[in-house]
PDB file of all heavy atoms in Angstrom:
ATOM      1  N   PHE A   1       0.884  -1.194  -0.033  1.00  0.00           N
ATOM      2  CA  PHE A   1      -0.069  -0.064   0.055  1.00  0.00           C
ATOM      3  C   PHE A   1       0.866   1.275   0.040  1.00  0.00           C
ATOM      4  O   PHE A   1       1.726   1.468   0.876  1.00  0.00           O
ATOM      5  CB  PHE A   1      -0.925   0.006   1.270  1.00  0.00           C
ATOM      6  CG  PHE A   1      -2.004   1.111   1.294  1.00  0.00           C
ATOM      7  CD1 PHE A   1      -3.030   0.982   0.221  1.00  0.00           C
ATOM      8  CD2 PHE A   1      -1.820   2.098   2.036  1.00  0.00           C
ATOM      9  CE1 PHE A   1      -4.044   2.011   0.298  1.00  0.00           C
ATOM     10  CE2 PHE A   1      -2.854   3.204   2.063  1.00  0.00           C
ATOM     11  CZ  PHE A   1      -3.900   3.029   1.153  1.00  0.00           C
ATOM     12  N   GLY A   2       0.658   2.111  -0.949  1.00  0.00           N
ATOM     13  CA  GLY A   2       1.506   3.230  -1.171  1.00  0.00           C
ATOM     14  C   GLY A   2       2.720   3.164  -2.035  1.00  0.00           C
ATOM     15  O   GLY A   2       3.443   4.165  -2.347  1.00  0.00           O
ATOM     16  N   ALA A   3       2.948   1.935  -2.605  1.00  0.00           N
ATOM     17  CA  ALA A   3       4.045   1.767  -3.565  1.00  0.00           C
ATOM     18  C   ALA A   3       3.623   2.179  -5.009  1.00  0.00           C
ATOM     19  O   ALA A   3       2.398   2.267  -5.315  1.00  0.00           O
ATOM     20  CB  ALA A   3       4.427   0.255  -3.653  1.00  0.00           C
ATOM     21  N   MET A   4       4.639   2.405  -5.826  1.00  0.00           N
ATOM     22  CA  MET A   4       4.380   2.878  -7.155  1.00  0.00           C
ATOM     23  C   MET A   4       5.233   2.143  -8.114  1.00  0.00           C
ATOM     24  O   MET A   4       6.389   1.657  -7.810  1.00  0.00           O
ATOM     25  CB  MET A   4       4.692   4.417  -7.265  1.00  0.00           C
ATOM     26  CG  MET A   4       3.803   5.306  -6.454  1.00  0.00           C
ATOM     27  SD  MET A   4       4.234   6.984  -6.673  1.00  0.00           S
ATOM     28  CE  MET A   4       3.678   7.200  -8.450  1.00  0.00           C
ATOM     29  N   ARG A   5       4.919   2.107  -9.451  1.00  0.00           N
ATOM     30  CA  ARG A   5       5.730   1.551 -10.480  1.00  0.00           C
ATOM     31  C   ARG A   5       5.345   2.358 -11.691  1.00  0.00           C
ATOM     32  O   ARG A   5       4.242   2.406 -12.025  1.00  0.00           O
ATOM     33  CB  ARG A   5       5.647   0.068 -10.709  1.00  0.00           C
ATOM     34  CG  ARG A   5       6.786  -0.434 -11.537  1.00  0.00           C
ATOM     35  CD  ARG A   5       6.704  -1.950 -11.590  1.00  0.00           C
ATOM     36  NE  ARG A   5       7.825  -2.483 -12.351  1.00  0.00           N
ATOM     37  CZ  ARG A   5       8.892  -3.164 -11.800  1.00  0.00           C
ATOM     38  NH1 ARG A   5       8.822  -3.339 -10.417  1.00  0.00           N
ATOM     39  NH2 ARG A   5       9.824  -3.585 -12.498  1.00  0.00           N
ATOM     40  N   HIS A   6       6.368   2.840 -12.501  1.00  0.00           N
ATOM     41  CA  HIS A   6       6.117   3.634 -13.710  1.00  0.00           C
ATOM     42  C   HIS A   6       5.080   4.642 -13.433  1.00  0.00           C
ATOM     43  O   HIS A   6       4.177   5.037 -14.316  1.00  0.00           O
ATOM     44  CB  HIS A   6       5.668   2.693 -14.829  1.00  0.00           C
ATOM     45  CG  HIS A   6       6.694   1.607 -15.242  1.00  0.00           C
ATOM     46  ND1 HIS A   6       7.991   1.973 -15.444  1.00  0.00           N
ATOM     47  CD2 HIS A   6       6.615   0.313 -15.299  1.00  0.00           C
ATOM     48  CE1 HIS A   6       8.696   0.908 -15.723  1.00  0.00           C
ATOM     49  NE2 HIS A   6       7.930  -0.201 -15.634  1.00  0.00           N
ATOM     50  N   GLY A   7       5.087   5.364 -12.232  1.00  0.00           N
ATOM     51  CA  GLY A   7       4.196   6.521 -12.046  1.00  0.00           C
ATOM     52  C   GLY A   7       2.765   6.095 -11.688  1.00  0.00           C
ATOM     53  O   GLY A   7       1.925   6.975 -11.402  1.00  0.00           O
ATOM     54  N   LYS A   8       2.448   4.737 -11.534  1.00  0.00           N
ATOM     55  CA  LYS A   8       1.173   4.421 -11.155  1.00  0.00           C
ATOM     56  C   LYS A   8       1.195   3.775  -9.633  1.00  0.00           C
ATOM     57  O   LYS A   8       2.109   2.983  -9.403  1.00  0.00           O
ATOM     58  CB  LYS A   8       0.604   3.414 -12.111  1.00  0.00           C
ATOM     59  CG  LYS A   8       0.367   3.931 -13.561  1.00  0.00           C
ATOM     60  CD  LYS A   8      -0.274   2.973 -14.515  1.00  0.00           C
ATOM     61  CE  LYS A   8      -1.709   2.783 -14.184  1.00  0.00           C
ATOM     62  NZ  LYS A   8      -2.393   1.880 -15.247  1.00  0.00           N
ATOM     63  N   MET A   9       0.138   3.978  -9.009  1.00  0.00           N
ATOM     64  CA  MET A   9       0.117   3.579  -7.623  1.00  0.00           C
ATOM     65  C   MET A   9      -0.381   2.102  -7.582  1.00  0.00           C
ATOM     66  O   MET A   9      -1.203   1.626  -8.437  1.00  0.00           O
ATOM     67  CB  MET A   9      -0.976   4.326  -6.806  1.00  0.00           C
ATOM     68  CG  MET A   9      -0.625   5.743  -6.642  1.00  0.00           C
ATOM     69  SD  MET A   9       0.856   6.019  -5.536  1.00  0.00           S
ATOM     70  CE  MET A   9       0.234   5.350  -3.959  1.00  0.00           C
ATOM     71  N   ALA A  10       0.214   1.360  -6.632  1.00  0.00           N
ATOM     72  CA  ALA A  10      -0.279   0.026  -6.381  1.00  0.00           C
ATOM     73  C   ALA A  10      -1.832   0.104  -6.131  1.00  0.00           C
ATOM     74  O   ALA A  10      -2.206   0.919  -5.361  1.00  0.00           O
ATOM     75  CB  ALA A  10       0.405  -0.626  -5.279  1.00  0.00           C
ATOM     76  N   GLY A  11      -2.558  -0.717  -6.675  1.00  0.00           N
ATOM     77  CA  GLY A  11      -3.990  -0.677  -6.552  1.00  0.00           C
ATOM     78  C   GLY A  11      -4.603  -0.254  -7.916  1.00  0.00           C
ATOM     79  O   GLY A  11      -5.836  -0.493  -8.057  1.00  0.00           O
ATOM     80  N   SER A  12      -3.922   0.365  -8.790  1.00  0.00           N
ATOM     81  CA  SER A  12      -4.375   0.814 -10.134  1.00  0.00           C
ATOM     82  C   SER A  12      -3.547   0.201 -11.250  1.00  0.00           C
ATOM     83  O   SER A  12      -3.632   0.671 -12.396  1.00  0.00           O
ATOM     84  CB  SER A  12      -4.427   2.274 -10.203  1.00  0.00           C
ATOM     85  OG  SER A  12      -3.040   2.829 -10.066  1.00  0.00           O
ATOM     86  N   ILE A  13      -2.815  -0.930 -10.935  1.00  0.00           N
ATOM     87  CA  ILE A  13      -1.895  -1.491 -12.030  1.00  0.00           C
ATOM     88  C   ILE A  13      -2.456  -2.854 -12.440  1.00  0.00           C
ATOM     89  O   ILE A  13      -2.812  -3.032 -13.541  1.00  0.00           O
ATOM     90  CB  ILE A  13      -0.529  -1.637 -11.458  1.00  0.00           C
ATOM     91  CG1 ILE A  13       0.107  -0.296 -11.027  1.00  0.00           C
ATOM     92  CG2 ILE A  13       0.428  -2.221 -12.415  1.00  0.00           C
ATOM     93  CD1 ILE A  13       1.458  -0.311 -10.350  1.00  0.00           C
ATOM     94  N   ALA A  14      -2.608  -3.788 -11.516  1.00  0.00           N
ATOM     95  CA  ALA A  14      -3.223  -5.044 -11.852  1.00  0.00           C
ATOM     96  C   ALA A  14      -4.675  -4.905 -12.026  1.00  0.00           C
ATOM     97  O   ALA A  14      -5.283  -3.825 -11.727  1.00  0.00           O
ATOM     98  CB  ALA A  14      -2.984  -6.002 -10.675  1.00  0.00           C
ATOM     99  N   ASP A  15      -5.324  -5.906 -12.586  1.00  0.00           N
ATOM    100  CA  ASP A  15      -6.815  -5.898 -12.773  1.00  0.00           C
ATOM    101  C   ASP A  15      -7.554  -5.685 -11.421  1.00  0.00           C
ATOM    102  O   ASP A  15      -8.444  -4.786 -11.253  1.00  0.00           O
ATOM    103  CB  ASP A  15      -7.358  -7.042 -13.458  1.00  0.00           C
ATOM    104  CG  ASP A  15      -6.813  -7.229 -14.818  1.00  0.00           C
ATOM    105  OD1 ASP A  15      -6.683  -6.241 -15.573  1.00  0.00           O
ATOM    106  OD2 ASP A  15      -6.409  -8.461 -15.200  1.00  0.00           O
ATOM    107  N   PHE A  16      -7.170  -6.425 -10.419  1.00  0.00           N
ATOM    108  CA  PHE A  16      -7.647  -6.361  -9.143  1.00  0.00           C
ATOM    109  C   PHE A  16      -6.468  -6.328  -8.115  1.00  0.00           C
ATOM    110  O   PHE A  16      -5.500  -6.944  -8.372  1.00  0.00           O
ATOM    111  CB  PHE A  16      -8.647  -7.507  -8.766  1.00  0.00           C
ATOM    112  CG  PHE A  16      -9.838  -7.463  -9.549  1.00  0.00           C
ATOM    113  CD1 PHE A  16      -9.949  -8.005 -10.767  1.00  0.00           C
ATOM    114  CD2 PHE A  16     -10.985  -6.957  -8.896  1.00  0.00           C
ATOM    115  CE1 PHE A  16     -11.162  -7.908 -11.449  1.00  0.00           C
ATOM    116  CE2 PHE A  16     -12.247  -6.903  -9.610  1.00  0.00           C
ATOM    117  CZ  PHE A  16     -12.283  -7.440 -10.866  1.00  0.00           C
ATOM    118  N   THR A  17      -6.558  -5.663  -7.097  1.00  0.00           N
ATOM    119  CA  THR A  17      -5.417  -5.643  -5.993  1.00  0.00           C
ATOM    120  C   THR A  17      -5.889  -5.702  -4.563  1.00  0.00           C
ATOM    121  O   THR A  17      -6.949  -4.969  -4.240  1.00  0.00           O
ATOM    122  CB  THR A  17      -4.616  -4.248  -6.173  1.00  0.00           C
ATOM    123  OG1 THR A  17      -4.141  -4.132  -7.513  1.00  0.00           O
ATOM    124  CG2 THR A  17      -3.505  -4.221  -5.164  1.00  0.00           C
ATOM    125  N   SER A  18      -5.283  -6.582  -3.810  1.00  0.00           N
ATOM    126  CA  SER A  18      -5.753  -6.701  -2.429  1.00  0.00           C
ATOM    127  C   SER A  18      -4.637  -6.077  -1.549  1.00  0.00           C
ATOM    128  O   SER A  18      -3.390  -6.237  -1.806  1.00  0.00           O
ATOM    129  CB  SER A  18      -6.026  -8.077  -2.108  1.00  0.00           C
ATOM    130  OG  SER A  18      -4.785  -8.814  -2.100  1.00  0.00           O
ATOM    131  N   PHE A  19      -5.057  -5.521  -0.517  1.00  0.00           N
ATOM    132  CA  PHE A  19      -4.129  -4.828   0.420  1.00  0.00           C
ATOM    133  C   PHE A  19      -4.380  -5.353   1.936  1.00  0.00           C
ATOM    134  O   PHE A  19      -5.576  -5.718   2.205  1.00  0.00           O
ATOM    135  CB  PHE A  19      -4.244  -3.367   0.487  1.00  0.00           C
ATOM    136  CG  PHE A  19      -3.913  -2.548  -0.733  1.00  0.00           C
ATOM    137  CD1 PHE A  19      -4.842  -2.009  -1.526  1.00  0.00           C
ATOM    138  CD2 PHE A  19      -2.552  -2.500  -1.203  1.00  0.00           C
ATOM    139  CE1 PHE A  19      -4.584  -1.296  -2.678  1.00  0.00           C
ATOM    140  CE2 PHE A  19      -2.203  -1.859  -2.321  1.00  0.00           C
ATOM    141  CZ  PHE A  19      -3.201  -1.192  -3.095  1.00  0.00           C
ATOM    142  N   SER A  20      -3.474  -5.437   2.657  1.00  0.00           N
ATOM    143  CA  SER A  20      -3.540  -5.767   4.070  1.00  0.00           C
ATOM    144  C   SER A  20      -3.373  -4.661   4.983  1.00  0.00           C
ATOM    145  O   SER A  20      -2.328  -3.781   4.850  1.00  0.00           O
ATOM    146  CB  SER A  20      -2.583  -6.849   4.401  1.00  0.00           C
ATOM    147  OG  SER A  20      -2.620  -7.194   5.799  1.00  0.00           O
ATOM    148  N   PHE A  21      -4.179  -4.500   6.026  1.00  0.00           N
ATOM    149  CA  PHE A  21      -4.006  -3.584   7.121  1.00  0.00           C
ATOM    150  C   PHE A  21      -3.809  -4.243   8.418  1.00  0.00           C
ATOM    151  O   PHE A  21      -4.221  -3.762   9.501  1.00  0.00           O
ATOM    152  CB  PHE A  21      -5.249  -2.509   7.107  1.00  0.00           C
ATOM    153  CG  PHE A  21      -5.505  -1.899   5.803  1.00  0.00           C
ATOM    154  CD1 PHE A  21      -6.721  -1.763   5.301  1.00  0.00           C
ATOM    155  CD2 PHE A  21      -4.418  -1.283   5.070  1.00  0.00           C
ATOM    156  CE1 PHE A  21      -6.942  -1.194   4.126  1.00  0.00           C
ATOM    157  CE2 PHE A  21      -4.703  -0.693   3.860  1.00  0.00           C
ATOM    158  CZ  PHE A  21      -5.903  -0.636   3.348  1.00  0.00           C
ATOM    159  N   HIS A  22      -3.207  -5.445   8.385  1.00  0.00           N
ATOM    160  CA  HIS A  22      -3.007  -6.131   9.561  1.00  0.00           C
ATOM    161  C   HIS A  22      -2.148  -5.403  10.606  1.00  0.00           C
ATOM    162  O   HIS A  22      -1.490  -4.475  10.209  1.00  0.00           O
ATOM    163  CB  HIS A  22      -2.321  -7.551   9.242  1.00  0.00           C
ATOM    164  CG  HIS A  22      -1.941  -8.430  10.431  1.00  0.00           C
ATOM    165  ND1 HIS A  22      -0.798  -8.403  10.880  1.00  0.00           N
ATOM    166  CD2 HIS A  22      -2.742  -9.308  11.020  1.00  0.00           C
ATOM    167  CE1 HIS A  22      -0.780  -9.290  11.920  1.00  0.00           C
ATOM    168  NE2 HIS A  22      -1.988  -9.940  11.947  1.00  0.00           N
ATOM    169  N   ALA A  23      -2.067  -5.829  11.751  1.00  0.00           N
ATOM    170  CA  ALA A  23      -1.277  -5.084  12.850  1.00  0.00           C
ATOM    171  C   ALA A  23       0.218  -4.796  12.555  1.00  0.00           C
ATOM    172  O   ALA A  23       0.774  -3.927  13.009  1.00  0.00           O
ATOM    173  CB  ALA A  23      -1.439  -5.870  14.183  1.00  0.00           C
ATOM    174  N   VAL A  24       0.803  -5.702  11.757  1.00  0.00           N
ATOM    175  CA  VAL A  24       2.258  -5.564  11.400  1.00  0.00           C
ATOM    176  C   VAL A  24       2.416  -4.709  10.114  1.00  0.00           C
ATOM    177  O   VAL A  24       3.607  -4.442   9.767  1.00  0.00           O
ATOM    178  CB  VAL A  24       3.000  -6.923  11.304  1.00  0.00           C
ATOM    179  CG1 VAL A  24       2.793  -7.678  12.573  1.00  0.00           C
ATOM    180  CG2 VAL A  24       2.449  -7.674  10.001  1.00  0.00           C
ATOM    181  N   LYS A  25       1.418  -4.235   9.449  1.00  0.00           N
ATOM    182  CA  LYS A  25       1.602  -3.611   8.181  1.00  0.00           C
ATOM    183  C   LYS A  25       1.830  -2.157   8.377  1.00  0.00           C
ATOM    184  O   LYS A  25       1.662  -1.565   9.492  1.00  0.00           O
ATOM    185  CB  LYS A  25       0.345  -3.860   7.325  1.00  0.00           C
ATOM    186  CG  LYS A  25       0.100  -5.259   6.905  1.00  0.00           C
ATOM    187  CD  LYS A  25       1.240  -5.840   6.157  1.00  0.00           C
ATOM    188  CE  LYS A  25       0.920  -7.237   5.520  1.00  0.00           C
ATOM    189  NZ  LYS A  25       0.746  -8.313   6.524  1.00  0.00           N
ATOM    190  N   ASN A  26       2.365  -1.527   7.276  1.00  0.00           N
ATOM    191  CA  ASN A  26       2.737  -0.085   7.331  1.00  0.00           C
ATOM    192  C   ASN A  26       1.547   0.820   7.938  1.00  0.00           C
ATOM    193  O   ASN A  26       1.693   1.665   8.754  1.00  0.00           O
ATOM    194  CB  ASN A  26       3.071   0.415   5.968  1.00  0.00           C
ATOM    195  CG  ASN A  26       4.328  -0.188   5.443  1.00  0.00           C
ATOM    196  OD1 ASN A  26       4.798  -1.189   5.867  1.00  0.00           O
ATOM    197  ND2 ASN A  26       4.812   0.446   4.321  1.00  0.00           N
ATOM    198  N   LEU A  27       0.349   0.554   7.294  1.00  0.00           N
ATOM    199  CA  LEU A  27      -0.832   1.146   7.671  1.00  0.00           C
ATOM    200  C   LEU A  27      -1.716   0.159   8.339  1.00  0.00           C
ATOM    201  O   LEU A  27      -1.973  -0.826   7.616  1.00  0.00           O
ATOM    202  CB  LEU A  27      -1.568   1.905   6.479  1.00  0.00           C
ATOM    203  CG  LEU A  27      -2.781   2.657   6.803  1.00  0.00           C
ATOM    204  CD1 LEU A  27      -2.923   3.838   5.691  1.00  0.00           C
ATOM    205  CD2 LEU A  27      -4.091   1.837   6.763  1.00  0.00           C
ATOM    206  N   THR A  28      -2.087   0.276   9.575  1.00  0.00           N
ATOM    207  CA  THR A  28      -2.936  -0.734  10.155  1.00  0.00           C
ATOM    208  C   THR A  28      -4.313  -0.284  10.597  1.00  0.00           C
ATOM    209  O   THR A  28      -4.632   0.920  10.944  1.00  0.00           O
ATOM    210  CB  THR A  28      -2.214  -1.263  11.437  1.00  0.00           C
ATOM    211  OG1 THR A  28      -2.919  -2.359  11.979  1.00  0.00           O
ATOM    212  CG2 THR A  28      -2.025  -0.189  12.501  1.00  0.00           C
ATOM    213  N   THR A  29      -5.181  -1.308  10.510  1.00  0.00           N
ATOM    214  CA  THR A  29      -6.567  -1.024  11.226  1.00  0.00           C
ATOM    215  C   THR A  29      -6.736  -2.235  12.274  1.00  0.00           C
ATOM    216  O   THR A  29      -7.847  -2.617  12.554  1.00  0.00           O
ATOM    217  CB  THR A  29      -7.732  -1.172  10.125  1.00  0.00           C
ATOM    218  OG1 THR A  29      -7.571  -2.368   9.433  1.00  0.00           O
ATOM    219  CG2 THR A  29      -7.494  -0.050   9.119  1.00  0.00           C
ATOM    220  N   ALA A  30      -5.607  -2.811  12.750  1.00  0.00           N
ATOM    221  CA  ALA A  30      -5.647  -3.897  13.687  1.00  0.00           C
ATOM    222  C   ALA A  30      -5.626  -5.286  12.946  1.00  0.00           C
ATOM    223  O   ALA A  30      -4.745  -5.964  12.828  1.00  0.00           O
ATOM    224  CB  ALA A  30      -6.638  -3.878  14.738  1.00  0.00           C
ATOM    225  N   GLU A  31      -6.803  -5.481  12.326  1.00  0.00           N
ATOM    226  CA  GLU A  31      -6.911  -6.470  11.275  1.00  0.00           C
ATOM    227  C   GLU A  31      -7.606  -5.587  10.130  1.00  0.00           C
ATOM    228  O   GLU A  31      -7.924  -4.498  10.337  1.00  0.00           O
ATOM    229  CB  GLU A  31      -7.882  -7.667  11.674  1.00  0.00           C
ATOM    230  CG  GLU A  31      -7.307  -8.548  12.763  1.00  0.00           C
ATOM    231  CD  GLU A  31      -6.304  -9.428  12.299  1.00  0.00           C
ATOM    232  OE1 GLU A  31      -6.083  -9.640  11.026  1.00  0.00           O
ATOM    233  OE2 GLU A  31      -5.662 -10.151  13.136  1.00  0.00           O
ATOM    234  N   GLY A  32      -7.671  -6.201   8.910  1.00  0.00           N
ATOM    235  CA  GLY A  32      -8.416  -5.466   7.920  1.00  0.00           C
ATOM    236  C   GLY A  32      -7.669  -5.541   6.562  1.00  0.00           C
ATOM    237  O   GLY A  32      -6.482  -5.971   6.563  1.00  0.00           O
TER     238      GLY A  32
END
């Protein structure tokens, strides 16, 4: 989450993109 490649954000590159907001991730919602 927040990474980029060739000027495009992760989340808008692949057809579908899943992100984690688990407690150990950069951005957390505890789980999520």
